[in-house]
Amino acid sequence: KLKMDYVYYYDEPLNNFDYVAGVTAPEDIARQICNSVEIN
């Protein structure tokens, strides 16, 4: 009866070398990634 669900969000990443706190916005990174993998 196990059901698996997936929830998508964006926030400060723990594993992303392109992210620099105070310089790069998580929203911009997430938007770019979502576009590349066809997620709204």
PDB file of all heavy atoms in Angstrom:
ATOM      1  N   LYS A   1       0.814  -1.219   0.000  1.00  0.00           N
ATOM      2  CA  LYS A   1       0.000   0.000   0.000  1.00  0.00           C
ATOM      3  C   LYS A   1       0.846   1.267   0.000  1.00  0.00           C
ATOM      4  O   LYS A   1       0.311   2.373   0.085  1.00  0.00           O
ATOM      5  CB  LYS A   1      -0.935   0.001   1.211  1.00  0.00           C
ATOM      6  CG  LYS A   1      -2.026  -1.066   1.146  1.00  0.00           C
ATOM      7  CD  LYS A   1      -2.968  -0.948   2.330  1.00  0.00           C
ATOM      8  CE  LYS A   1      -4.081  -1.996   2.257  1.00  0.00           C
ATOM      9  NZ  LYS A   1      -5.014  -1.868   3.413  1.00  0.00           N
ATOM     10  N   LEU A   2       2.151   1.106  -0.068  1.00  0.00           N
ATOM     11  CA  LEU A   2       3.043   2.272  -0.066  1.00  0.00           C
ATOM     12  C   LEU A   2       2.799   3.145  -1.297  1.00  0.00           C
ATOM     13  O   LEU A   2       2.817   2.663  -2.433  1.00  0.00           O
ATOM     14  CB  LEU A   2       4.503   1.817  -0.046  1.00  0.00           C
ATOM     15  CG  LEU A   2       5.552   2.922  -0.147  1.00  0.00           C
ATOM     16  CD1 LEU A   2       5.510   3.816   1.086  1.00  0.00           C
ATOM     17  CD2 LEU A   2       6.943   2.332  -0.330  1.00  0.00           C
ATOM     18  N   LYS A   3       2.578   4.415  -1.057  1.00  0.00           N
ATOM     19  CA  LYS A   3       2.409   5.383  -2.141  1.00  0.00           C
ATOM     20  C   LYS A   3       3.561   6.368  -2.101  1.00  0.00           C
ATOM     21  O   LYS A   3       3.912   6.869  -1.035  1.00  0.00           O
ATOM     22  CB  LYS A   3       1.082   6.131  -2.000  1.00  0.00           C
ATOM     23  CG  LYS A   3       0.847   7.135  -3.114  1.00  0.00           C
ATOM     24  CD  LYS A   3      -0.446   7.906  -2.912  1.00  0.00           C
ATOM     25  CE  LYS A   3      -0.633   8.947  -4.018  1.00  0.00           C
ATOM     26  NZ  LYS A   3      -1.870   9.759  -3.805  1.00  0.00           N
ATOM     27  N   MET A   4       4.142   6.643  -3.258  1.00  0.00           N
ATOM     28  CA  MET A   4       5.272   7.565  -3.321  1.00  0.00           C
ATOM     29  C   MET A   4       4.849   8.846  -4.019  1.00  0.00           C
ATOM     30  O   MET A   4       4.253   8.815  -5.099  1.00  0.00           O
ATOM     31  CB  MET A   4       6.445   6.900  -4.042  1.00  0.00           C
ATOM     32  CG  MET A   4       6.964   5.661  -3.330  1.00  0.00           C
ATOM     33  SD  MET A   4       8.434   4.938  -4.087  1.00  0.00           S
ATOM     34  CE  MET A   4       9.643   6.222  -3.738  1.00  0.00           C
ATOM     35  N   ASP A   5       5.157   9.967  -3.379  1.00  0.00           N
ATOM     36  CA  ASP A   5       4.775  11.279  -3.901  1.00  0.00           C
ATOM     37  C   ASP A   5       6.016  12.155  -4.013  1.00  0.00           C
ATOM     38  O   ASP A   5       6.985  11.972  -3.273  1.00  0.00           O
ATOM     39  CB  ASP A   5       3.739  11.922  -2.971  1.00  0.00           C
ATOM     40  CG  ASP A   5       3.062  13.115  -3.629  1.00  0.00           C
ATOM     41  OD1 ASP A   5       3.103  13.216  -4.871  1.00  0.00           O
ATOM     42  OD2 ASP A   5       2.488  13.953  -2.896  1.00  0.00           O
ATOM     43  N   TYR A   6       5.965  13.118  -4.932  1.00  0.00           N
ATOM     44  CA  TYR A   6       7.102  14.014  -5.153  1.00  0.00           C
ATOM     45  C   TYR A   6       6.611  15.461  -5.116  1.00  0.00           C
ATOM     46  O   TYR A   6       5.633  15.812  -5.777  1.00  0.00           O
ATOM     47  CB  TYR A   6       7.771  13.712  -6.497  1.00  0.00           C
ATOM     48  CG  TYR A   6       8.415  12.346  -6.541  1.00  0.00           C
ATOM     49  CD1 TYR A   6       7.660  11.195  -6.752  1.00  0.00           C
ATOM     50  CD2 TYR A   6       9.788  12.191  -6.321  1.00  0.00           C
ATOM     51  CE1 TYR A   6       8.239   9.937  -6.762  1.00  0.00           C
ATOM     52  CE2 TYR A   6      10.371  10.936  -6.332  1.00  0.00           C
ATOM     53  CZ  TYR A   6       9.597   9.816  -6.555  1.00  0.00           C
ATOM     54  OH  TYR A   6      10.177   8.574  -6.555  1.00  0.00           O
ATOM     55  N   VAL A   7       7.292  16.274  -4.317  1.00  0.00           N
ATOM     56  CA  VAL A   7       6.948  17.691  -4.166  1.00  0.00           C
ATOM     57  C   VAL A   7       8.143  18.519  -4.606  1.00  0.00           C
ATOM     58  O   VAL A   7       9.280  18.279  -4.166  1.00  0.00           O
ATOM     59  CB  VAL A   7       6.592  18.019  -2.695  1.00  0.00           C
ATOM     60  CG1 VAL A   7       6.383  19.517  -2.518  1.00  0.00           C
ATOM     61  CG2 VAL A   7       5.342  17.248  -2.275  1.00  0.00           C
ATOM     62  N   TYR A   8       7.908  19.516  -5.453  1.00  0.00           N
ATOM     63  CA  TYR A   8       8.987  20.332  -6.014  1.00  0.00           C
ATOM     64  C   TYR A   8       8.928  21.742  -5.427  1.00  0.00           C
ATOM     65  O   TYR A   8       7.860  22.341  -5.293  1.00  0.00           O
ATOM     66  CB  TYR A   8       8.856  20.388  -7.535  1.00  0.00           C
ATOM     67  CG  TYR A   8       8.903  19.025  -8.178  1.00  0.00           C
ATOM     68  CD1 TYR A   8       7.724  18.363  -8.541  1.00  0.00           C
ATOM     69  CD2 TYR A   8      10.114  18.380  -8.390  1.00  0.00           C
ATOM     70  CE1 TYR A   8       7.762  17.102  -9.112  1.00  0.00           C
ATOM     71  CE2 TYR A   8      10.167  17.117  -8.950  1.00  0.00           C
ATOM     72  CZ  TYR A   8       8.983  16.486  -9.309  1.00  0.00           C
ATOM     73  OH  TYR A   8       9.031  15.230  -9.858  1.00  0.00           O
ATOM     74  N   TYR A   9      10.097  22.252  -5.076  1.00  0.00           N
ATOM     75  CA  TYR A   9      10.213  23.591  -4.500  1.00  0.00           C
ATOM     76  C   TYR A   9      11.600  24.127  -4.831  1.00  0.00           C
ATOM     77  O   TYR A   9      12.424  23.444  -5.434  1.00  0.00           O
ATOM     78  CB  TYR A   9      10.018  23.537  -2.980  1.00  0.00           C
ATOM     79  CG  TYR A   9      11.183  22.911  -2.236  1.00  0.00           C
ATOM     80  CD1 TYR A   9      12.127  23.715  -1.585  1.00  0.00           C
ATOM     81  CD2 TYR A   9      11.358  21.521  -2.190  1.00  0.00           C
ATOM     82  CE1 TYR A   9      13.204  23.145  -0.910  1.00  0.00           C
ATOM     83  CE2 TYR A   9      12.416  20.959  -1.513  1.00  0.00           C
ATOM     84  CZ  TYR A   9      13.336  21.767  -0.881  1.00  0.00           C
ATOM     85  OH  TYR A   9      14.404  21.209  -0.226  1.00  0.00           O
ATOM     86  N   TYR A  10      11.866  25.348  -4.442  1.00  0.00           N
ATOM     87  CA  TYR A  10      13.229  25.875  -4.546  1.00  0.00           C
ATOM     88  C   TYR A  10      13.573  26.630  -3.265  1.00  0.00           C
ATOM     89  O   TYR A  10      12.715  27.204  -2.609  1.00  0.00           O
ATOM     90  CB  TYR A  10      13.392  26.776  -5.776  1.00  0.00           C
ATOM     91  CG  TYR A  10      12.712  28.123  -5.686  1.00  0.00           C
ATOM     92  CD1 TYR A  10      13.351  29.220  -5.102  1.00  0.00           C
ATOM     93  CD2 TYR A  10      11.423  28.305  -6.200  1.00  0.00           C
ATOM     94  CE1 TYR A  10      12.731  30.459  -5.026  1.00  0.00           C
ATOM     95  CE2 TYR A  10      10.795  29.528  -6.139  1.00  0.00           C
ATOM     96  CZ  TYR A  10      11.444  30.600  -5.543  1.00  0.00           C
ATOM     97  OH  TYR A  10      10.828  31.822  -5.461  1.00  0.00           O
ATOM     98  N   ASP A  11      14.834  26.539  -2.905  1.00  0.00           N
ATOM     99  CA  ASP A  11      15.351  27.217  -1.713  1.00  0.00           C
ATOM    100  C   ASP A  11      16.873  27.192  -1.813  1.00  0.00           C
ATOM    101  O   ASP A  11      17.422  26.735  -2.817  1.00  0.00           O
ATOM    102  CB  ASP A  11      14.873  26.520  -0.445  1.00  0.00           C
ATOM    103  CG  ASP A  11      14.823  27.484   0.748  1.00  0.00           C
ATOM    104  OD1 ASP A  11      15.543  28.502   0.698  1.00  0.00           O
ATOM    105  OD2 ASP A  11      14.077  27.209   1.701  1.00  0.00           O
ATOM    106  N   GLU A  12      17.539  27.638  -0.792  1.00  0.00           N
ATOM    107  CA  GLU A  12      19.004  27.613  -0.811  1.00  0.00           C
ATOM    108  C   GLU A  12      19.503  26.197  -1.022  1.00  0.00           C
ATOM    109  O   GLU A  12      19.154  25.290  -0.273  1.00  0.00           O
ATOM    110  CB  GLU A  12      19.562  28.155   0.511  1.00  0.00           C
ATOM    111  CG  GLU A  12      19.667  29.663   0.566  1.00  0.00           C
ATOM    112  CD  GLU A  12      20.542  30.126   1.729  1.00  0.00           C
ATOM    113  OE1 GLU A  12      21.747  29.797   1.732  1.00  0.00           O
ATOM    114  OE2 GLU A  12      20.004  30.779   2.624  1.00  0.00           O
ATOM    115  N   PRO A  13      20.318  25.972  -2.046  1.00  0.00           N
ATOM    116  CA  PRO A  13      20.820  24.611  -2.316  1.00  0.00           C
ATOM    117  C   PRO A  13      21.992  24.254  -1.411  1.00  0.00           C
ATOM    118  O   PRO A  13      22.789  25.105  -1.035  1.00  0.00           O
ATOM    119  CB  PRO A  13      21.263  24.699  -3.777  1.00  0.00           C
ATOM    120  CG  PRO A  13      21.660  26.129  -3.964  1.00  0.00           C
ATOM    121  CD  PRO A  13      20.725  26.930  -3.102  1.00  0.00           C
ATOM    122  N   LEU A  14      22.084  22.983  -1.065  1.00  0.00           N
ATOM    123  CA  LEU A  14      23.209  22.479  -0.285  1.00  0.00           C
ATOM    124  C   LEU A  14      24.313  21.946  -1.193  1.00  0.00           C
ATOM    125  O   LEU A  14      25.469  21.831  -0.795  1.00  0.00           O
ATOM    126  CB  LEU A  14      22.737  21.364   0.662  1.00  0.00           C
ATOM    127  CG  LEU A  14      21.695  21.750   1.703  1.00  0.00           C
ATOM    128  CD1 LEU A  14      21.271  20.527   2.505  1.00  0.00           C
ATOM    129  CD2 LEU A  14      22.266  22.819   2.638  1.00  0.00           C
ATOM    130  N   ASN A  15      23.942  21.597  -2.425  1.00  0.00           N
ATOM    131  CA  ASN A  15      24.901  21.008  -3.358  1.00  0.00           C
ATOM    132  C   ASN A  15      24.752  21.658  -4.722  1.00  0.00           C
ATOM    133  O   ASN A  15      24.063  21.144  -5.612  1.00  0.00           O
ATOM    134  CB  ASN A  15      24.667  19.485  -3.460  1.00  0.00           C
ATOM    135  CG  ASN A  15      25.634  18.835  -4.437  1.00  0.00           C
ATOM    136  OD1 ASN A  15      26.729  19.330  -4.659  1.00  0.00           O
ATOM    137  ND2 ASN A  15      25.211  17.727  -5.030  1.00  0.00           N
ATOM    138  N   ASN A  16      25.364  22.828  -4.882  1.00  0.00           N
ATOM    139  CA  ASN A  16      25.342  23.532  -6.163  1.00  0.00           C
ATOM    140  C   ASN A  16      26.502  24.520  -6.191  1.00  0.00           C
ATOM    141  O   ASN A  16      26.469  25.546  -5.521  1.00  0.00           O
ATOM    142  CB  ASN A  16      24.000  24.257  -6.359  1.00  0.00           C
ATOM    143  CG  ASN A  16      23.845  24.783  -7.782  1.00  0.00           C
ATOM    144  OD1 ASN A  16      24.828  25.103  -8.450  1.00  0.00           O
ATOM    145  ND2 ASN A  16      22.602  24.884  -8.244  1.00  0.00           N
ATOM    146  N   PHE A  17      27.511  24.203  -6.996  1.00  0.00           N
ATOM    147  CA  PHE A  17      28.702  25.043  -7.048  1.00  0.00           C
ATOM    148  C   PHE A  17      28.438  26.385  -7.724  1.00  0.00           C
ATOM    149  O   PHE A  17      29.221  27.322  -7.592  1.00  0.00           O
ATOM    150  CB  PHE A  17      29.832  24.310  -7.777  1.00  0.00           C
ATOM    151  CG  PHE A  17      30.267  23.045  -7.091  1.00  0.00           C
ATOM    152  CD1 PHE A  17      30.124  21.810  -7.703  1.00  0.00           C
ATOM    153  CD2 PHE A  17      30.801  23.098  -5.816  1.00  0.00           C
ATOM    154  CE1 PHE A  17      30.531  20.656  -7.066  1.00  0.00           C
ATOM    155  CE2 PHE A  17      31.206  21.938  -5.161  1.00  0.00           C
ATOM    156  CZ  PHE A  17      31.064  20.708  -5.786  1.00  0.00           C
ATOM    157  N   ASP A  18      27.335  26.473  -8.467  1.00  0.00           N
ATOM    158  CA  ASP A  18      27.002  27.738  -9.133  1.00  0.00           C
ATOM    159  C   ASP A  18      26.326  28.726  -8.199  1.00  0.00           C
ATOM    160  O   ASP A  18      26.139  29.888  -8.547  1.00  0.00           O
ATOM    161  CB  ASP A  18      26.072  27.478 -10.331  1.00  0.00           C
ATOM    162  CG  ASP A  18      26.760  26.651 -11.410  1.00  0.00           C
ATOM    163  OD1 ASP A  18      27.982  26.810 -11.562  1.00  0.00           O
ATOM    164  OD2 ASP A  18      26.074  25.859 -12.088  1.00  0.00           O
ATOM    165  N   TYR A  19      25.966  28.247  -7.020  1.00  0.00           N
ATOM    166  CA  TYR A  19      25.254  29.111  -6.086  1.00  0.00           C
ATOM    167  C   TYR A  19      26.232  29.801  -5.138  1.00  0.00           C
ATOM    168  O   TYR A  19      27.086  29.147  -4.532  1.00  0.00           O
ATOM    169  CB  TYR A  19      24.241  28.304  -5.273  1.00  0.00           C
ATOM    170  CG  TYR A  19      23.600  29.108  -4.162  1.00  0.00           C
ATOM    171  CD1 TYR A  19      22.662  30.097  -4.436  1.00  0.00           C
ATOM    172  CD2 TYR A  19      23.946  28.872  -2.824  1.00  0.00           C
ATOM    173  CE1 TYR A  19      22.074  30.823  -3.417  1.00  0.00           C
ATOM    174  CE2 TYR A  19      23.363  29.595  -1.794  1.00  0.00           C
ATOM    175  CZ  TYR A  19      22.430  30.577  -2.096  1.00  0.00           C
ATOM    176  OH  TYR A  19      21.849  31.314  -1.082  1.00  0.00           O
ATOM    177  N   VAL A  20      26.082  31.115  -5.026  1.00  0.00           N
ATOM    178  CA  VAL A  20      26.871  31.905  -4.087  1.00  0.00           C
ATOM    179  C   VAL A  20      25.890  32.734  -3.258  1.00  0.00           C
ATOM    180  O   VAL A  20      25.141  33.551  -3.815  1.00  0.00           O
ATOM    181  CB  VAL A  20      27.871  32.841  -4.801  1.00  0.00           C
ATOM    182  CG1 VAL A  20      28.657  33.646  -3.757  1.00  0.00           C
ATOM    183  CG2 VAL A  20      28.809  32.046  -5.688  1.00  0.00           C
ATOM    184  N   ALA A  21      25.855  32.487  -1.947  1.00  0.00           N
ATOM    185  CA  ALA A  21      24.902  33.174  -1.069  1.00  0.00           C
ATOM    186  C   ALA A  21      25.050  34.688  -1.191  1.00  0.00           C
ATOM    187  O   ALA A  21      26.160  35.219  -1.120  1.00  0.00           O
ATOM    188  CB  ALA A  21      25.109  32.735   0.380  1.00  0.00           C
ATOM    189  N   GLY A  22      23.915  35.362  -1.381  1.00  0.00           N
ATOM    190  CA  GLY A  22      23.918  36.819  -1.485  1.00  0.00           C
ATOM    191  C   GLY A  22      24.250  37.324  -2.874  1.00  0.00           C
ATOM    192  O   GLY A  22      24.118  38.514  -3.148  1.00  0.00           O
ATOM    193  N   VAL A  23      24.691  36.423  -3.767  1.00  0.00           N
ATOM    194  CA  VAL A  23      25.052  36.837  -5.129  1.00  0.00           C
ATOM    195  C   VAL A  23      24.106  36.197  -6.157  1.00  0.00           C
ATOM    196  O   VAL A  23      23.551  36.869  -7.019  1.00  0.00           O
ATOM    197  CB  VAL A  23      26.517  36.451  -5.456  1.00  0.00           C
ATOM    198  CG1 VAL A  23      26.854  36.842  -6.897  1.00  0.00           C
ATOM    199  CG2 VAL A  23      27.463  37.117  -4.473  1.00  0.00           C
ATOM    200  N   THR A  24      23.926  34.888  -6.029  1.00  0.00           N
ATOM    201  CA  THR A  24      23.066  34.149  -6.954  1.00  0.00           C
ATOM    202  C   THR A  24      21.745  33.835  -6.275  1.00  0.00           C
ATOM    203  O   THR A  24      21.717  33.375  -5.135  1.00  0.00           O
ATOM    204  CB  THR A  24      23.731  32.824  -7.384  1.00  0.00           C
ATOM    205  OG1 THR A  24      25.081  33.072  -7.724  1.00  0.00           O
ATOM    206  CG2 THR A  24      22.997  32.223  -8.577  1.00  0.00           C
ATOM    207  N   ALA A  25      20.655  34.075  -6.980  1.00  0.00           N
ATOM    208  CA  ALA A  25      19.327  33.820  -6.416  1.00  0.00           C
ATOM    209  C   ALA A  25      18.901  32.376  -6.689  1.00  0.00           C
ATOM    210  O   ALA A  25      18.960  31.937  -7.839  1.00  0.00           O
ATOM    211  CB  ALA A  25      18.302  34.783  -7.005  1.00  0.00           C
ATOM    212  N   PRO A  26      18.479  31.638  -5.664  1.00  0.00           N
ATOM    213  CA  PRO A  26      17.982  30.268  -5.881  1.00  0.00           C
ATOM    214  C   PRO A  26      16.837  30.220  -6.888  1.00  0.00           C
ATOM    215  O   PRO A  26      16.701  29.265  -7.650  1.00  0.00           O
ATOM    216  CB  PRO A  26      17.519  29.828  -4.495  1.00  0.00           C
ATOM    217  CG  PRO A  26      18.305  30.673  -3.544  1.00  0.00           C
ATOM    218  CD  PRO A  26      18.474  31.994  -4.231  1.00  0.00           C
ATOM    219  N   GLU A  27      16.022  31.290  -6.889  1.00  0.00           N
ATOM    220  CA  GLU A  27      14.890  31.335  -7.825  1.00  0.00           C
ATOM    221  C   GLU A  27      15.370  31.303  -9.275  1.00  0.00           C
ATOM    222  O   GLU A  27      14.799  30.603 -10.117  1.00  0.00           O
ATOM    223  CB  GLU A  27      14.065  32.602  -7.575  1.00  0.00           C
ATOM    224  CG  GLU A  27      12.870  32.720  -8.512  1.00  0.00           C
ATOM    225  CD  GLU A  27      12.054  33.980  -8.257  1.00  0.00           C
ATOM    226  OE1 GLU A  27      12.354  34.689  -7.271  1.00  0.00           O
ATOM    227  OE2 GLU A  27      11.129  34.241  -9.037  1.00  0.00           O
ATOM    228  N   ASP A  28      16.442  32.057  -9.571  1.00  0.00           N
ATOM    229  CA  ASP A  28      16.959  32.105 -10.949  1.00  0.00           C
ATOM    230  C   ASP A  28      17.522  30.742 -11.364  1.00  0.00           C
ATOM    231  O   ASP A  28      17.317  30.280 -12.497  1.00  0.00           O
ATOM    232  CB  ASP A  28      18.042  33.174 -11.063  1.00  0.00           C
ATOM    233  CG  ASP A  28      17.490  34.579 -10.835  1.00  0.00           C
ATOM    234  OD1 ASP A  28      16.271  34.763 -11.056  1.00  0.00           O
ATOM    235  OD2 ASP A  28      18.259  35.465 -10.429  1.00  0.00           O
ATOM    236  N   ILE A  29      18.234  30.097 -10.436  1.00  0.00           N
ATOM    237  CA  ILE A  29      18.799  28.767 -10.735  1.00  0.00           C
ATOM    238  C   ILE A  29      17.676  27.761 -10.976  1.00  0.00           C
ATOM    239  O   ILE A  29      17.697  26.993 -11.939  1.00  0.00           O
ATOM    240  CB  ILE A  29      19.696  28.292  -9.573  1.00  0.00           C
ATOM    241  CG1 ILE A  29      20.882  29.237  -9.395  1.00  0.00           C
ATOM    242  CG2 ILE A  29      20.180  26.864  -9.830  1.00  0.00           C
ATOM    243  CD1 ILE A  29      21.742  28.897  -8.184  1.00  0.00           C
ATOM    244  N   ALA A  30      16.660  27.793 -10.098  1.00  0.00           N
ATOM    245  CA  ALA A  30      15.548  26.849 -10.209  1.00  0.00           C
ATOM    246  C   ALA A  30      14.759  27.077 -11.490  1.00  0.00           C
ATOM    247  O   ALA A  30      14.345  26.119 -12.159  1.00  0.00           O
ATOM    248  CB  ALA A  30      14.634  26.974  -8.999  1.00  0.00           C
ATOM    249  N   ARG A  31      14.576  28.326 -11.851  1.00  0.00           N
ATOM    250  CA  ARG A  31      13.830  28.632 -13.072  1.00  0.00           C
ATOM    251  C   ARG A  31      14.556  28.078 -14.310  1.00  0.00           C
ATOM    252  O   ARG A  31      13.947  27.502 -15.206  1.00  0.00           O
ATOM    253  CB  ARG A  31      13.644  30.150 -13.202  1.00  0.00           C
ATOM    254  CG  ARG A  31      12.710  30.568 -14.346  1.00  0.00           C
ATOM    255  CD  ARG A  31      12.656  32.090 -14.444  1.00  0.00           C
ATOM    256  NE  ARG A  31      12.095  32.689 -13.242  1.00  0.00           N
ATOM    257  CZ  ARG A  31      10.782  32.849 -13.043  1.00  0.00           C
ATOM    258  NH1 ARG A  31       9.920  32.432 -13.961  1.00  0.00           N
ATOM    259  NH2 ARG A  31      10.352  33.417 -11.942  1.00  0.00           N
ATOM    260  N   GLN A  32      15.882  28.240 -14.314  1.00  0.00           N
ATOM    261  CA  GLN A  32      16.670  27.740 -15.435  1.00  0.00           C
ATOM    262  C   GLN A  32      16.626  26.202 -15.509  1.00  0.00           C
ATOM    263  O   GLN A  32      16.480  25.626 -16.587  1.00  0.00           O
ATOM    264  CB  GLN A  32      18.123  28.221 -15.295  1.00  0.00           C
ATOM    265  CG  GLN A  32      19.009  27.843 -16.469  1.00  0.00           C
ATOM    266  CD  GLN A  32      20.426  28.384 -16.308  1.00  0.00           C
ATOM    267  OE1 GLN A  32      20.745  29.015 -15.293  1.00  0.00           O
ATOM    268  NE2 GLN A  32      21.268  28.136 -17.289  1.00  0.00           N
ATOM    269  N   ILE A  33      16.740  25.562 -14.356  1.00  0.00           N
ATOM    270  CA  ILE A  33      16.698  24.093 -14.322  1.00  0.00           C
ATOM    271  C   ILE A  33      15.319  23.584 -14.737  1.00  0.00           C
ATOM    272  O   ILE A  33      15.206  22.614 -15.503  1.00  0.00           O
ATOM    273  CB  ILE A  33      17.070  23.580 -12.913  1.00  0.00           C
ATOM    274  CG1 ILE A  33      18.551  23.840 -12.640  1.00  0.00           C
ATOM    275  CG2 ILE A  33      16.773  22.083 -12.790  1.00  0.00           C
ATOM    276  CD1 ILE A  33      18.995  23.484 -11.233  1.00  0.00           C
ATOM    277  N   CYS A  34      14.261  24.217 -14.241  1.00  0.00           N
ATOM    278  CA  CYS A  34      12.894  23.813 -14.598  1.00  0.00           C
ATOM    279  C   CYS A  34      12.662  23.908 -16.101  1.00  0.00           C
ATOM    280  O   CYS A  34      12.019  23.031 -16.693  1.00  0.00           O
ATOM    281  CB  CYS A  34      11.879  24.665 -13.854  1.00  0.00           C
ATOM    282  SG  CYS A  34      11.704  24.249 -12.106  1.00  0.00           S
ATOM    283  N   ASN A  35      13.168  24.955 -16.708  1.00  0.00           N
ATOM    284  CA  ASN A  35      13.024  25.101 -18.154  1.00  0.00           C
ATOM    285  C   ASN A  35      13.749  23.980 -18.900  1.00  0.00           C
ATOM    286  O   ASN A  35      13.272  23.482 -19.922  1.00  0.00           O
ATOM    287  CB  ASN A  35      13.567  26.461 -18.612  1.00  0.00           C
ATOM    288  CG  ASN A  35      12.677  27.610 -18.185  1.00  0.00           C
ATOM    289  OD1 ASN A  35      11.475  27.424 -17.976  1.00  0.00           O
ATOM    290  ND2 ASN A  35      13.250  28.795 -18.051  1.00  0.00           N
ATOM    291  N   SER A  36      14.905  23.580 -18.387  1.00  0.00           N
ATOM    292  CA  SER A  36      15.706  22.556 -19.069  1.00  0.00           C
ATOM    293  C   SER A  36      15.087  21.169 -18.961  1.00  0.00           C
ATOM    294  O   SER A  36      15.276  20.325 -19.846  1.00  0.00           O
ATOM    295  CB  SER A  36      17.133  22.530 -18.515  1.00  0.00           C
ATOM    296  OG  SER A  36      17.136  22.103 -17.158  1.00  0.00           O
ATOM    297  N   VAL A  37      14.329  20.910 -17.876  1.00  0.00           N
ATOM    298  CA  VAL A  37      13.736  19.576 -17.693  1.00  0.00           C
ATOM    299  C   VAL A  37      12.221  19.598 -17.892  1.00  0.00           C
ATOM    300  O   VAL A  37      11.534  18.627 -17.567  1.00  0.00           O
ATOM    301  CB  VAL A  37      14.069  19.004 -16.294  1.00  0.00           C
ATOM    302  CG1 VAL A  37      15.562  18.791 -16.152  1.00  0.00           C
ATOM    303  CG2 VAL A  37      13.550  19.906 -15.182  1.00  0.00           C
ATOM    304  N   GLU A  38      11.704  20.699 -18.428  1.00  0.00           N
ATOM    305  CA  GLU A  38      10.291  20.825 -18.787  1.00  0.00           C
ATOM    306  C   GLU A  38       9.357  20.646 -17.588  1.00  0.00           C
ATOM    307  O   GLU A  38       8.387  19.903 -17.637  1.00  0.00           O
ATOM    308  CB  GLU A  38       9.919  19.827 -19.891  1.00  0.00           C
ATOM    309  CG  GLU A  38      10.694  20.044 -21.178  1.00  0.00           C
ATOM    310  CD  GLU A  38      10.293  19.059 -22.265  1.00  0.00           C
ATOM    311  OE1 GLU A  38       9.395  18.229 -22.015  1.00  0.00           O
ATOM    312  OE2 GLU A  38      10.857  19.129 -23.366  1.00  0.00           O
ATOM    313  N   ILE A  39       9.694  21.342 -16.491  1.00  0.00           N
ATOM    314  CA  ILE A  39       8.812  21.399 -15.334  1.00  0.00           C
ATOM    315  C   ILE A  39       8.295  22.827 -15.209  1.00  0.00           C
ATOM    316  O   ILE A  39       9.077  23.783 -15.307  1.00  0.00           O
ATOM    317  CB  ILE A  39       9.552  20.990 -14.042  1.00  0.00           C
ATOM    318  CG1 ILE A  39       9.876  19.489 -14.068  1.00  0.00           C
ATOM    319  CG2 ILE A  39       8.733  21.317 -12.805  1.00  0.00           C
ATOM    320  CD1 ILE A  39      10.631  18.998 -12.849  1.00  0.00           C
ATOM    321  N   ASN A  40       6.994  22.979 -15.020  1.00  0.00           N
ATOM    322  CA  ASN A  40       6.380  24.298 -14.931  1.00  0.00           C
ATOM    323  C   ASN A  40       6.842  24.989 -13.651  1.00  0.00           C
ATOM    324  O   ASN A  40       6.474  24.582 -12.544  1.00  0.00           O
ATOM    325  CB  ASN A  40       4.861  24.168 -14.955  1.00  0.00           C
ATOM    326  CG  ASN A  40       4.175  25.518 -15.083  1.00  0.00           C
ATOM    327  OD1 ASN A  40       4.787  26.576 -14.896  1.00  0.00           O
ATOM    328  ND2 ASN A  40       2.898  25.495 -15.418  1.00  0.00           N
TER     329      ASN A  40
END
